[in-house]
């Protein structure tokens, strides 16, 4: 009878209930994860929490999901252990009866009595530990979401609350008295336990170790000095500060340097669980940018924006929109880069980086497009490529004074003489920033920072004009400046200017302490614009980057004047060309007749 009771309690009550609780808890926890992650991102974007606190919360959320998932699996093992115990007992009974009847020569009733008693004894030996394990698993699964470990929490609840100890003591003493009167149970063990619990209650109460749970609203919601409602444990730094506090208002002033906003239809591209790898690709973009351009761009914030169209994305730089686009998840972008005559069925669009006509096609049409010579890319690649090019076009704005200071500090470790001579003796950090920004604005890498700053230091005593110092820096790294525009034979294909025209442009130079401005007559400006536009087209058709070569005096002024109209047009000077570079004129802009 005892064995049957234990088996029923273990299998029907404890293991089945604990398994169901673990399954439901795991399901609800996993279903709630996206919402909780979005809530963390929303609080982080609103400045309510800091980056470290958001990282801690995400780790806690991941641990919570792993815990409930593991307990769901563990409950299946516990249930299997209970079932195995029952099966083993039944096998022992049937096998024992067979052995007793066929090998021992017993009759059926004797064999049944003998081997049933033996099997039940063995079953009790296995079921009692199984019951303990099942009970422990049930307690662990049904525990509250308190962040305290189970051991200290269980000890506190059982032995440090006055009501629990008093009820235990009185219950044990009543059982002892009942057993003493009726003789049904041994009274002495109950008496000992009643006295022990009463002694613990008295001793703990005198020493002030007992804690009575407050009656009324939960005070942990706002009165925990160790953190906010989420239990951040950051010493009250940011989880739940008082409304209107100065810290909270200052945090709201923070602007992310770079931010990618996604419409809700593009969230799968950034979700690793759904195969999205945008986050990894953005990290690769930052790594490649450091290797190519020579400085570290800040971390990129990726967030959803319900105000966008489902398939729309935006790039934000310090609160300002710098680029936007749309991609279609589940489709492929096909670009006709080889002038194929085959027309693909799909959604017509424009490639966001280079403005090429393109078509969104299905997976079925993908192979046909590749065979026809189309360049086919997935939506994530379109987005990341657009982001990479956008960062390169705005990297001169991204470079801050703090970034320059970091570059100087790193450079000082190996070149202390150069840094000590230049900053702050000759130039300020802000002036160095302006020089580097001038280089970056034209796509010139600053990775050879030693060569750039040594040339700048040589001329910093003569002029503080960042435009003039940037021109001198370009001459120091001329080979690196010109390299992207050379053909496979090392020749430079470029548009040249008539010498008389250059002389007329030189007359419009206006230099100040901080910048150099080129004033161009409206007629000459219109003439230059028309001629440059016509001269660029053949170079673009040949797949070359259009470039103009002129004297160093007017190079920067021309570049700044035509940067908005011809952003893809590069301006080079004769002085920055390395030796043995042959210039192949593709066109010459004539003088104004």
Protein backbone atom coordinates (compact mmCIF):
# COMPACT_ATOMS: atom_id res chain seq x y z
CA UNK A 1 0.00 0.00 0.00
CA UNK A 2 2.82 2.40 0.93
CA UNK A 3 4.57 1.64 -2.36
CA UNK A 4 1.42 2.31 -4.37
CA UNK A 5 0.82 5.60 -2.56
CA UNK A 6 4.39 6.77 -3.13
CA UNK A 7 4.23 5.75 -6.78
CA UNK A 8 0.95 7.55 -7.38
CA UNK A 9 2.17 10.70 -5.62
CA UNK A 10 5.47 10.66 -7.49
CA UNK A 11 4.13 9.89 -10.96
CA UNK A 12 0.65 11.44 -11.04
CA UNK A 13 1.07 14.45 -8.76
CA UNK A 14 4.68 15.63 -8.63
CA UNK A 15 6.31 14.66 -11.94
CA UNK A 16 3.26 15.36 -14.08
CA UNK A 17 2.58 18.71 -12.41
CA UNK A 18 6.23 19.79 -12.47
CA UNK A 19 6.56 18.76 -16.11
CA UNK A 20 3.48 20.75 -17.10
CA UNK A 21 4.66 23.82 -15.17
CA UNK A 22 8.13 23.61 -16.74
CA UNK A 23 6.66 23.24 -20.23
CA UNK A 24 4.31 26.20 -19.85
CA UNK A 25 6.98 28.37 -18.22
CA UNK A 26 9.48 27.60 -21.00
CA UNK A 27 6.90 28.35 -23.69
CA UNK A 28 5.78 31.64 -22.13
CA UNK A 29 9.37 32.71 -21.47
CA UNK A 30 10.48 32.07 -25.06
CA UNK A 31 7.35 33.75 -26.47
CA UNK A 32 7.96 36.83 -24.31
CA UNK A 33 11.66 37.20 -25.24
CA UNK A 34 11.20 39.39 -28.37
CA UNK A 35 8.93 41.78 -26.47
CA UNK A 36 11.34 42.00 -23.56
CA UNK A 37 14.28 42.61 -25.91
CA UNK A 38 12.38 45.36 -27.69
CA UNK A 39 11.49 46.89 -24.32
CA UNK A 40 15.17 46.92 -23.36
CA UNK A 41 16.07 48.56 -26.69
CA UNK A 42 13.29 51.12 -26.25
CA UNK A 43 14.49 52.07 -22.77
CA UNK A 44 18.06 52.27 -24.03
CA UNK A 45 17.09 54.49 -26.96
CA UNK A 46 15.05 56.72 -24.66
CA UNK A 47 18.05 57.11 -22.33
CA UNK A 48 16.28 55.47 -19.40
CA UNK A 49 19.10 52.95 -19.02
CA UNK A 50 22.73 52.88 -20.03
CA UNK A 51 24.53 50.54 -22.42
CA UNK A 52 26.03 48.48 -19.57
CA UNK A 53 22.63 48.05 -17.93
CA UNK A 54 21.06 47.02 -21.25
CA UNK A 55 23.80 44.45 -21.76
CA UNK A 56 23.26 43.08 -18.25
CA UNK A 57 19.50 42.80 -18.81
CA UNK A 58 19.98 40.98 -22.10
CA UNK A 59 22.32 38.51 -20.40
CA UNK A 60 19.80 37.95 -17.61
CA UNK A 61 17.04 37.46 -20.17
CA UNK A 62 19.15 34.88 -22.00
CA UNK A 63 19.93 33.06 -18.74
CA UNK A 64 16.24 33.01 -17.82
CA UNK A 65 15.31 31.46 -21.16
CA UNK A 66 18.11 28.90 -20.86
CA UNK A 67 17.00 28.04 -17.31
CA UNK A 68 13.37 27.35 -18.17
CA UNK A 69 14.33 25.48 -21.32
CA UNK A 70 16.73 23.28 -19.31
CA UNK A 71 14.13 22.65 -16.61
CA UNK A 72 11.61 21.63 -19.27
CA UNK A 73 14.06 19.00 -20.47
CA UNK A 74 15.01 17.98 -16.92
CA UNK A 75 11.34 17.41 -16.02
CA UNK A 76 11.13 14.92 -18.89
CA UNK A 77 14.04 12.99 -17.39
CA UNK A 78 12.43 12.98 -13.95
CA UNK A 79 9.16 11.72 -15.41
CA UNK A 80 11.03 9.04 -17.32
CA UNK A 81 12.80 7.98 -14.13
CA UNK A 82 9.45 7.52 -12.35
CA UNK A 83 8.04 5.50 -15.24
CA UNK A 84 11.18 3.38 -15.38
CA UNK A 85 10.86 2.62 -11.64
CA UNK A 86 7.30 1.35 -12.11
CA UNK A 87 8.25 -0.77 -15.13
CA UNK A 88 11.26 -2.26 -13.32
CA UNK A 89 9.06 -3.20 -10.35
CA UNK A 90 6.48 -4.87 -12.60
CA UNK A 91 9.22 -6.75 -14.45
CA UNK A 92 10.66 -7.92 -11.12
CA UNK A 93 7.26 -9.17 -9.96
CA UNK A 94 6.49 -11.05 -13.19
CA UNK A 95 10.01 -12.39 -13.47
CA UNK A 96 10.07 -13.40 -9.82
CA UNK A 97 6.81 -15.33 -10.13
CA UNK A 98 8.17 -17.10 -13.21
CA UNK A 99 11.42 -18.02 -11.46
CA UNK A 100 9.61 -19.19 -8.34
CA UNK A 101 7.16 -21.41 -10.24
CA UNK A 102 9.46 -22.84 -12.90
CA UNK A 103 12.83 -22.98 -11.19
CA UNK A 104 12.05 -23.14 -7.47
CA UNK A 105 9.04 -25.41 -7.74
CA UNK A 106 6.75 -23.06 -5.76
CA UNK A 107 3.06 -22.83 -6.31
CA UNK A 108 1.70 -19.63 -7.80
CA UNK A 109 0.34 -18.15 -4.54
CA UNK A 110 3.61 -18.72 -2.68
CA UNK A 111 5.71 -17.33 -5.50
CA UNK A 112 3.40 -14.33 -5.78
CA UNK A 113 3.67 -13.58 -2.06
CA UNK A 114 7.42 -14.08 -1.86
CA UNK A 115 8.55 -12.18 -4.94
CA UNK A 116 5.98 -9.45 -4.61
CA UNK A 117 7.34 -8.59 -1.18
CA UNK A 118 10.90 -8.65 -2.52
CA UNK A 119 10.02 -6.53 -5.57
CA UNK A 120 8.07 -4.01 -3.50
CA UNK A 121 11.06 -3.69 -1.17
CA UNK A 122 13.33 -3.07 -4.09
CA UNK A 123 10.76 -0.64 -5.53
CA UNK A 124 10.68 1.32 -2.27
CA UNK A 125 14.45 1.60 -2.36
CA UNK A 126 14.25 3.11 -5.88
CA UNK A 127 11.01 5.09 -5.48
CA UNK A 128 11.99 7.00 -2.35
CA UNK A 129 15.08 8.61 -4.01
CA UNK A 130 12.99 9.17 -7.15
CA UNK A 131 10.36 10.90 -5.01
CA UNK A 132 13.01 13.13 -3.46
CA UNK A 133 14.44 14.02 -6.88
CA UNK A 134 10.97 14.73 -8.29
CA UNK A 135 10.09 16.90 -5.30
CA UNK A 136 13.35 18.85 -5.64
CA UNK A 137 12.72 19.36 -9.38
CA UNK A 138 9.16 20.49 -8.65
CA UNK A 139 10.35 23.01 -6.07
CA UNK A 140 12.97 24.35 -8.48
CA UNK A 141 10.49 24.69 -11.35
CA UNK A 142 7.75 26.30 -9.28
CA UNK A 143 10.03 28.78 -7.54
CA UNK A 144 9.30 32.46 -8.01
CA UNK A 145 11.32 34.68 -10.34
CA UNK A 146 13.34 36.01 -7.41
CA UNK A 147 16.97 36.61 -8.33
CA UNK A 148 18.18 35.03 -5.08
CA UNK A 149 19.57 31.49 -5.27
CA UNK A 150 17.16 28.69 -4.38
CA UNK A 151 19.11 27.47 -1.33
CA UNK A 152 19.22 30.77 0.61
CA UNK A 153 15.69 31.63 -0.53
CA UNK A 154 14.27 28.26 0.67
CA UNK A 155 16.15 28.48 3.95
CA UNK A 156 14.85 32.00 4.53
CA UNK A 157 11.26 31.04 3.79
CA UNK A 158 11.30 27.90 5.97
CA UNK A 159 13.32 28.96 9.00
CA UNK A 160 13.41 32.77 9.20
CA UNK A 161 9.70 33.59 9.19
CA UNK A 162 8.00 33.50 12.62
CA UNK A 163 4.70 32.17 11.37
CA UNK A 164 6.34 29.16 9.70
CA UNK A 165 8.34 28.19 12.79
CA UNK A 166 5.43 28.67 15.17
CA UNK A 167 3.06 26.60 12.99
CA UNK A 168 5.66 23.83 12.66
CA UNK A 169 6.30 23.70 16.39
CA UNK A 170 2.60 23.59 17.32
CA UNK A 171 1.85 20.98 14.61
CA UNK A 172 4.66 18.65 15.78
CA UNK A 173 3.57 18.95 19.44
CA UNK A 174 -0.06 18.19 18.53
CA UNK A 175 1.02 15.12 16.54
CA UNK A 176 3.15 14.00 19.47
CA UNK A 177 0.19 14.31 21.87
CA UNK A 178 -2.12 12.50 19.44
CA UNK A 179 0.39 9.68 19.05
CA UNK A 180 0.89 9.41 22.80
CA UNK A 181 -2.87 9.10 23.41
CA UNK A 182 -3.74 6.77 20.52
CA UNK A 183 -0.47 4.86 20.21
CA UNK A 184 -0.83 4.83 16.43
CA UNK A 185 2.46 6.71 15.78
CA UNK A 186 5.72 7.10 17.68
CA UNK A 187 5.33 10.22 19.79
CA UNK A 188 8.98 10.84 20.65
CA UNK A 189 10.24 12.02 17.21
CA UNK A 190 7.34 14.46 16.89
CA UNK A 191 8.03 15.75 20.40
CA UNK A 192 11.71 16.34 19.53
CA UNK A 193 10.88 18.19 16.33
CA UNK A 194 8.23 20.32 18.08
CA UNK A 195 10.69 21.32 20.80
CA UNK A 196 13.41 21.99 18.19
CA UNK A 197 11.23 24.30 16.09
CA UNK A 198 9.99 26.07 19.22
CA UNK A 199 13.58 26.58 20.36
CA UNK A 200 14.56 27.95 16.91
CA UNK A 201 11.61 30.36 17.00
CA UNK A 202 12.54 31.62 20.45
CA UNK A 203 16.27 31.95 19.72
CA UNK A 204 15.89 33.62 16.30
CA UNK A 205 13.26 36.00 17.65
CA UNK A 206 15.49 37.12 20.51
CA UNK A 207 18.41 37.74 18.14
CA UNK A 208 16.26 39.65 15.66
CA UNK A 209 16.86 37.17 12.83
CA UNK A 210 13.20 36.65 11.98
CA UNK A 211 11.71 38.76 9.19
CA UNK A 212 8.02 39.42 8.85
CA UNK A 213 6.88 40.13 5.28
CA UNK A 214 5.24 43.56 5.13
CA UNK A 215 1.51 43.63 4.59
CA UNK A 216 0.26 45.83 1.77
CA UNK A 217 1.81 46.91 -1.52
CA UNK A 218 5.09 45.34 -2.61
CA UNK A 219 7.78 47.74 -1.45
CA UNK A 220 10.35 46.26 -3.82
CA UNK A 221 8.81 48.10 -6.74
CA UNK A 222 10.32 51.42 -5.88
CA UNK A 223 12.12 51.25 -2.59
CA UNK A 224 14.98 48.89 -3.33
CA UNK A 225 18.21 50.85 -2.82
CA UNK A 226 20.19 48.30 -4.81
CA UNK A 227 18.49 48.94 -8.13
CA UNK A 228 15.23 49.56 -9.88
CA UNK A 229 12.24 47.41 -10.50
CA UNK A 230 14.20 45.18 -12.79
CA UNK A 231 16.78 44.38 -10.16
CA UNK A 232 19.70 45.84 -12.06
CA UNK A 233 21.81 45.95 -8.94
CA UNK A 234 23.77 48.95 -10.15
CA UNK A 235 23.66 50.88 -6.97
CA UNK A 236 20.72 52.99 -8.03
CA UNK A 237 22.49 54.46 -11.05
CA UNK A 238 19.78 54.29 -13.61
CA UNK A 239 17.11 51.65 -13.52
CA UNK A 240 14.51 53.61 -11.61
CA UNK A 241 15.72 57.11 -10.73
CA UNK A 242 13.30 59.63 -9.39
CA UNK A 243 11.27 61.36 -12.11
CA UNK A 244 12.77 64.66 -13.18
CA UNK A 245 16.18 63.98 -11.67
CA UNK A 246 19.15 65.79 -13.31
CA UNK A 247 20.78 62.50 -14.30
CA UNK A 248 17.71 61.40 -16.22
CA UNK A 249 17.47 64.71 -18.11
CA UNK A 250 21.15 64.61 -19.04
CA UNK A 251 20.82 61.06 -20.33
CA UNK A 252 18.01 62.19 -22.63
CA UNK A 253 20.43 64.61 -24.32
CA UNK A 254 22.57 61.74 -25.57
CA UNK A 255 22.59 61.16 -29.33
CA UNK A 256 23.87 58.01 -30.97
CA UNK A 257 26.54 58.75 -33.55
CA UNK A 258 25.25 56.14 -35.99
CA UNK A 259 21.91 54.39 -35.97
CA UNK A 260 20.14 52.00 -38.33
CA UNK A 261 16.33 52.01 -38.14
CA UNK A 262 14.37 49.12 -39.63
CA UNK A 263 10.74 48.74 -40.53
CA UNK A 264 8.99 45.83 -38.85
CA UNK A 265 9.15 43.82 -42.08
CA UNK A 266 12.97 43.86 -41.96
CA UNK A 267 13.42 42.68 -38.36
CA UNK A 268 14.08 39.14 -39.55
CA UNK A 269 17.26 40.38 -41.27
CA UNK A 270 18.69 41.28 -37.86
CA UNK A 271 17.35 38.25 -35.93
CA UNK A 272 20.00 35.49 -35.73
CA UNK A 273 17.30 32.96 -34.80
CA UNK A 274 15.71 33.53 -38.22
CA UNK A 275 18.99 33.44 -40.09
CA UNK A 276 19.53 37.21 -40.05
CA UNK A 277 23.17 38.34 -40.07
CA UNK A 278 22.94 42.12 -40.43
CA UNK A 279 24.57 42.66 -37.02
CA UNK A 280 27.57 40.52 -37.96
CA UNK A 281 27.86 42.25 -41.33
CA UNK A 282 27.77 45.71 -39.74
CA UNK A 283 30.58 44.62 -37.43
CA UNK A 284 32.54 43.47 -40.49
CA UNK A 285 31.91 46.86 -42.13
CA UNK A 286 33.38 48.62 -39.10
CA UNK A 287 36.40 46.29 -39.12
CA UNK A 288 37.03 46.82 -42.83
CA UNK A 289 36.60 50.57 -42.44
CA UNK A 290 39.34 50.67 -39.79
CA UNK A 291 41.69 48.77 -42.09
CA UNK A 292 40.87 50.95 -45.13
CA UNK A 293 40.39 54.46 -43.76
CA UNK A 294 42.44 54.43 -40.57
CA UNK A 295 40.09 55.25 -37.69
CA UNK A 296 37.40 53.49 -35.68
CA UNK A 297 33.80 54.47 -36.27
CA UNK A 298 31.59 54.36 -33.17
CA UNK A 299 29.27 51.46 -32.34
CA UNK A 300 26.14 51.33 -34.49
CA UNK A 301 22.73 51.21 -32.81
CA UNK A 302 20.23 48.92 -34.57
CA UNK A 303 16.57 49.45 -33.69
CA UNK A 304 13.09 49.03 -35.09
CA UNK A 305 10.87 51.99 -35.98
CA UNK A 306 7.15 51.38 -36.35
CA UNK A 307 6.75 54.72 -38.14
CA UNK A 308 8.63 53.40 -41.18
CA UNK A 309 7.12 51.40 -44.01
CA UNK A 310 7.47 47.64 -43.43
CA UNK A 311 10.40 47.25 -45.88
CA UNK A 312 12.00 50.64 -45.31
CA UNK A 313 15.28 51.36 -43.52
CA UNK A 314 17.03 54.58 -42.54
CA UNK A 315 20.56 55.59 -41.53
CA UNK A 316 20.72 58.26 -38.83
CA UNK A 317 23.82 60.32 -38.00
CA UNK A 318 23.54 62.20 -34.70
CA UNK A 319 19.80 62.54 -35.03
CA UNK A 320 19.85 63.55 -38.71
CA UNK A 321 18.68 61.39 -41.60
CA UNK A 322 21.55 60.79 -44.05
CA UNK A 323 20.20 57.95 -46.20
CA UNK A 324 17.13 55.79 -46.68
CA UNK A 325 16.11 52.86 -48.83
CA UNK A 326 13.85 49.86 -49.22
CA UNK A 327 14.53 46.15 -49.61
CA UNK A 328 12.22 43.18 -50.05
CA UNK A 329 12.90 40.22 -47.71
CA UNK A 330 12.54 36.89 -49.44
CA UNK A 331 13.50 38.37 -52.83
CA UNK A 332 16.81 38.91 -54.64
CA UNK A 333 18.02 42.15 -56.24
CA UNK A 334 19.17 41.59 -59.83
CA UNK A 335 21.29 44.33 -61.48
CA UNK A 336 22.05 44.33 -65.19
CA UNK A 337 25.74 45.20 -65.00
CA UNK A 338 26.68 43.35 -68.22
CA UNK A 339 24.08 44.95 -70.52
CA UNK A 340 22.10 41.74 -70.85
CA UNK A 341 19.17 41.81 -73.28
CA UNK A 342 17.03 39.44 -71.21
CA UNK A 343 14.20 41.08 -69.26
CA UNK A 344 13.46 39.57 -65.86
CA UNK A 345 9.95 39.44 -64.35
CA UNK A 346 9.73 41.12 -60.98
CA UNK A 347 9.44 44.42 -59.15
CA UNK A 348 11.36 47.24 -60.84
CA UNK A 349 13.45 49.41 -58.53
CA UNK A 350 16.69 51.40 -58.30
CA UNK A 351 19.80 50.13 -56.55
CA UNK A 352 20.30 52.54 -53.61
CA UNK A 353 24.10 52.85 -53.66
CA UNK A 354 24.97 53.60 -57.29
CA UNK A 355 21.49 54.39 -58.64
CA UNK A 356 21.48 51.52 -61.13
CA UNK A 357 18.18 50.15 -62.45
CA UNK A 358 17.43 46.81 -60.82
CA UNK A 359 14.69 44.23 -60.33
CA UNK A 360 13.52 42.34 -57.25
CA UNK A 361 13.13 38.72 -58.32
CA UNK A 362 12.05 35.50 -56.60
CA UNK A 363 14.24 32.53 -55.75
CA UNK A 364 12.85 30.74 -58.81
CA UNK A 365 14.18 33.42 -61.17
CA UNK A 366 17.53 33.73 -59.42
CA UNK A 367 19.37 31.09 -61.47
CA UNK A 368 18.00 32.46 -64.75
CA UNK A 369 19.23 35.93 -63.81
CA UNK A 370 22.73 34.67 -63.01
CA UNK A 371 22.90 32.75 -66.28
CA UNK A 372 21.81 35.90 -68.16
CA UNK A 373 24.72 37.84 -66.64
CA UNK A 374 22.86 39.75 -63.95
CA UNK A 375 24.51 40.50 -60.62
CA UNK A 376 22.23 39.04 -57.94
CA UNK A 377 22.45 39.97 -54.24
CA UNK A 378 20.30 39.30 -51.21
CA UNK A 379 18.43 42.04 -49.27
CA UNK A 380 20.86 42.05 -46.34
CA UNK A 381 23.79 42.64 -48.71
CA UNK A 382 21.95 45.57 -50.30
CA UNK A 383 21.33 47.15 -46.91
CA UNK A 384 24.86 46.59 -45.59
CA UNK A 385 26.50 47.79 -48.82
CA UNK A 386 24.37 50.94 -48.71
CA UNK A 387 25.39 51.46 -45.09
CA UNK A 388 29.08 50.94 -45.90
CA UNK A 389 29.05 53.48 -48.73
CA UNK A 390 27.05 55.94 -46.65
CA UNK A 391 29.59 55.72 -43.84
CA UNK A 392 32.43 56.33 -46.30
CA UNK A 393 30.70 59.40 -47.74
CA UNK A 394 30.11 60.87 -44.29
CA UNK A 395 33.22 59.63 -42.47
CA UNK A 396 34.68 63.15 -42.34
CA UNK A 397 31.66 64.20 -40.29
CA UNK A 398 31.90 61.12 -38.08
CA UNK A 399 35.51 61.91 -37.10
CA UNK A 400 35.20 63.84 -33.83
CA UNK A 401 37.77 65.59 -31.68
CA UNK A 402 37.66 62.67 -29.27
CA UNK A 403 38.42 60.28 -32.13
CA UNK A 404 41.40 62.44 -33.09
CA UNK A 405 42.61 62.45 -29.50
CA UNK A 406 42.41 58.65 -29.42
CA UNK A 407 44.42 58.47 -32.65
CA UNK A 408 47.05 60.82 -31.22
CA UNK A 409 47.26 58.85 -27.98
CA UNK A 410 47.80 55.61 -29.87
CA UNK A 411 50.34 57.25 -32.16
CA UNK A 412 52.21 58.69 -29.19
CA UNK A 413 53.13 55.22 -27.95
CA UNK A 414 55.42 54.65 -30.97
CA UNK A 415 56.04 58.24 -32.13
CA UNK A 416 56.13 60.45 -29.01
CA UNK A 417 58.44 63.04 -30.60
CA UNK A 418 56.03 63.71 -33.46
CA UNK A 419 52.95 64.09 -31.26
CA UNK A 420 54.73 66.21 -28.65
CA UNK A 421 56.02 68.56 -31.35
CA UNK A 422 52.68 68.92 -33.12
CA UNK A 423 50.09 69.06 -30.30
CA UNK A 424 49.63 71.44 -28.61
CA UNK A 425 52.79 73.33 -29.61
CA UNK A 426 51.96 73.90 -33.28
CA UNK A 427 48.31 72.95 -33.70
CA UNK A 428 45.33 72.26 -31.49
CA UNK A 429 43.39 68.99 -31.61
CA UNK A 430 40.61 70.86 -33.44
CA UNK A 431 42.99 72.03 -36.18
CA UNK A 432 44.35 68.51 -36.63
CA UNK A 433 40.75 67.32 -36.85
CA UNK A 434 40.03 69.81 -39.67
CA UNK A 435 43.06 68.60 -41.64
CA UNK A 436 42.06 64.95 -41.30
CA UNK A 437 38.44 65.76 -42.14
CA UNK A 438 39.57 67.45 -45.38
CA UNK A 439 41.39 64.27 -46.37
CA UNK A 440 38.51 61.97 -45.44
CA UNK A 441 35.95 64.10 -47.26
CA UNK A 442 37.67 63.18 -50.54
CA UNK A 443 38.05 59.51 -49.67
CA UNK A 444 41.76 59.76 -48.76
CA UNK A 445 42.63 57.26 -46.00
CA UNK A 446 44.46 58.52 -42.91
CA UNK A 447 45.93 55.15 -41.98
CA UNK A 448 49.42 56.50 -42.76
CA UNK A 449 48.95 58.96 -39.93
CA UNK A 450 52.68 59.30 -39.33
CA UNK A 451 53.32 60.47 -42.89
CA UNK A 452 50.36 62.86 -42.77
CA UNK A 453 51.26 64.47 -39.44
CA UNK A 454 54.98 64.74 -40.18
CA UNK A 455 54.21 66.73 -43.33
CA UNK A 456 51.67 68.83 -41.42
CA UNK A 457 54.19 69.53 -38.66
CA UNK A 458 56.74 70.71 -41.25
CA UNK A 459 54.38 73.43 -42.51
CA UNK A 460 52.42 74.21 -39.33
CA UNK A 461 54.82 76.99 -38.37
CA UNK A 462 54.17 78.69 -41.71
CA UNK A 463 50.39 78.41 -41.86
CA UNK A 464 47.51 77.28 -39.64
CA UNK A 465 45.08 77.07 -42.56
CA UNK A 466 43.67 73.49 -42.50
CA UNK A 467 43.04 73.57 -46.28
CA UNK A 468 46.68 74.40 -47.05
CA UNK A 469 47.95 71.86 -44.53
CA UNK A 470 45.67 69.18 -46.04
CA UNK A 471 47.15 69.92 -49.49
CA UNK A 472 50.63 69.43 -48.08
CA UNK A 473 49.52 66.15 -46.47
CA UNK A 474 48.17 64.93 -49.82
CA UNK A 475 51.59 65.51 -51.38
CA UNK A 476 53.21 63.39 -48.66
CA UNK A 477 50.95 60.43 -49.41
CA UNK A 478 50.50 61.13 -53.12
CA UNK A 479 50.94 57.50 -54.18
CA UNK A 480 48.09 56.48 -51.88
CA UNK A 481 45.90 59.36 -53.12
CA UNK A 482 46.36 58.57 -56.81
CA UNK A 483 46.28 54.75 -56.63
CA UNK A 484 42.46 54.31 -56.99
CA UNK A 485 42.53 56.21 -60.32
CA UNK A 486 45.35 54.34 -62.05
CA UNK A 487 44.74 51.72 -64.73
CA UNK A 488 46.37 48.29 -64.85
CA UNK A 489 49.47 49.82 -66.51
CA UNK A 490 49.91 52.49 -63.87
CA UNK A 491 48.67 55.35 -66.06
CA UNK A 492 46.33 58.10 -64.91
CA UNK A 493 43.32 58.81 -67.15
CA UNK A 494 42.12 62.28 -66.27
CA UNK A 495 40.42 65.43 -67.55
CA UNK A 496 42.79 68.37 -67.91
CA UNK A 497 42.15 72.13 -67.89
CA UNK A 498 43.34 74.70 -70.38
CA UNK A 499 46.28 76.70 -68.87
CA UNK A 500 44.51 80.03 -69.52
CA UNK A 501 41.46 78.74 -67.71
CA UNK A 502 43.59 77.76 -64.71
CA UNK A 503 45.10 81.23 -64.61
CA UNK A 504 41.65 82.78 -64.57
CA UNK A 505 40.59 80.49 -61.72
CA UNK A 506 43.69 81.35 -59.66
CA UNK A 507 42.57 85.00 -59.68
CA UNK A 508 39.49 83.99 -57.67
CA UNK A 509 41.38 82.46 -54.73
CA UNK A 510 40.59 84.02 -51.32
CA UNK A 511 42.70 82.61 -48.47
CA UNK A 512 42.07 83.29 -44.77
CA UNK A 513 43.52 81.88 -41.57
CA UNK A 514 40.96 79.08 -41.42
CA UNK A 515 40.07 78.20 -45.03
CA UNK A 516 40.67 78.85 -48.71
CA UNK A 517 37.74 79.85 -50.92
CA UNK A 518 37.65 79.88 -54.71
CA UNK A 519 35.43 82.61 -56.19
CA UNK A 520 34.41 81.66 -59.76
CA UNK A 521 32.76 83.96 -62.27
CA UNK A 522 29.21 82.71 -63.05
CA UNK A 523 29.96 82.39 -66.78
CA UNK A 524 33.13 80.40 -66.11
CA UNK A 525 31.27 78.26 -63.56
CA UNK A 526 28.55 77.43 -66.08
CA UNK A 527 31.14 76.69 -68.73
CA UNK A 528 33.10 74.41 -66.38
CA UNK A 529 29.95 72.57 -65.29
CA UNK A 530 28.87 71.88 -68.86
CA UNK A 531 32.30 70.76 -70.02
CA UNK A 532 32.96 68.55 -67.00
CA UNK A 533 29.59 66.85 -67.40
CA UNK A 534 30.30 66.03 -71.05
CA UNK A 535 33.87 64.89 -70.32
CA UNK A 536 32.82 62.58 -67.48
CA UNK A 537 30.37 60.47 -69.45
CA UNK A 538 32.89 58.54 -71.59
CA UNK A 539 34.97 57.71 -68.51
CA UNK A 540 31.93 56.45 -66.62
CA UNK A 541 30.89 54.36 -69.63
CA UNK A 542 34.34 52.74 -69.63
CA UNK A 543 33.99 51.89 -65.93
CA UNK A 544 36.59 54.43 -64.81
CA UNK A 545 36.29 56.82 -61.89
CA UNK A 546 36.24 60.31 -63.45
CA UNK A 547 39.08 62.54 -62.31
CA UNK A 548 40.28 66.07 -63.06
CA UNK A 549 43.94 67.03 -62.76
CA UNK A 550 44.96 70.63 -62.19
CA UNK A 551 47.38 72.75 -60.17
CA UNK A 552 47.46 72.40 -56.39
CA UNK A 553 46.50 76.05 -55.92
CA UNK A 554 42.97 75.62 -57.28
CA UNK A 555 42.45 71.88 -56.67
CA UNK A 556 40.76 72.15 -53.23
CA UNK A 557 38.66 75.12 -54.29
CA UNK A 558 37.39 73.37 -57.42
CA UNK A 559 36.60 70.21 -55.44
CA UNK A 560 34.58 72.13 -52.88
CA UNK A 561 32.77 74.16 -55.56
CA UNK A 562 31.63 71.13 -57.59
CA UNK A 563 31.27 68.59 -54.74
CA UNK A 564 27.49 68.90 -54.58
CA UNK A 565 26.89 68.66 -58.34
CA UNK A 566 29.54 66.02 -59.16
CA UNK A 567 30.11 64.00 -55.97
CA UNK A 568 31.72 61.13 -57.91
CA UNK A 569 34.25 63.43 -59.63
CA UNK A 570 37.76 63.41 -58.10
CA UNK A 571 40.15 66.36 -58.28
CA UNK A 572 43.89 65.68 -58.28
CA UNK A 573 46.89 67.98 -58.53
CA UNK A 574 50.09 67.65 -60.51
CA UNK A 575 52.16 68.18 -57.36
CA UNK A 576 50.82 65.08 -55.60
CA UNK A 577 51.53 62.69 -58.48
CA UNK A 578 54.36 60.24 -57.78
CA UNK A 579 57.26 60.08 -60.28
CA UNK A 580 56.88 58.05 -63.47
CA UNK A 581 53.10 58.37 -63.52
CA UNK A 582 51.98 59.02 -67.10
CA UNK A 583 48.91 61.22 -67.55
CA UNK A 584 46.52 60.11 -70.29
CA UNK A 585 44.17 63.04 -71.03
CA UNK A 586 40.66 61.81 -71.76
CA UNK A 587 39.42 65.35 -72.43
CA UNK A 588 40.52 68.95 -72.00
CA UNK A 589 38.25 71.69 -70.73
CA UNK A 590 38.89 74.63 -73.09
CA UNK A 591 39.09 78.24 -72.05
CA UNK A 592 36.01 80.41 -72.27
CA UNK A 593 36.03 82.08 -75.69
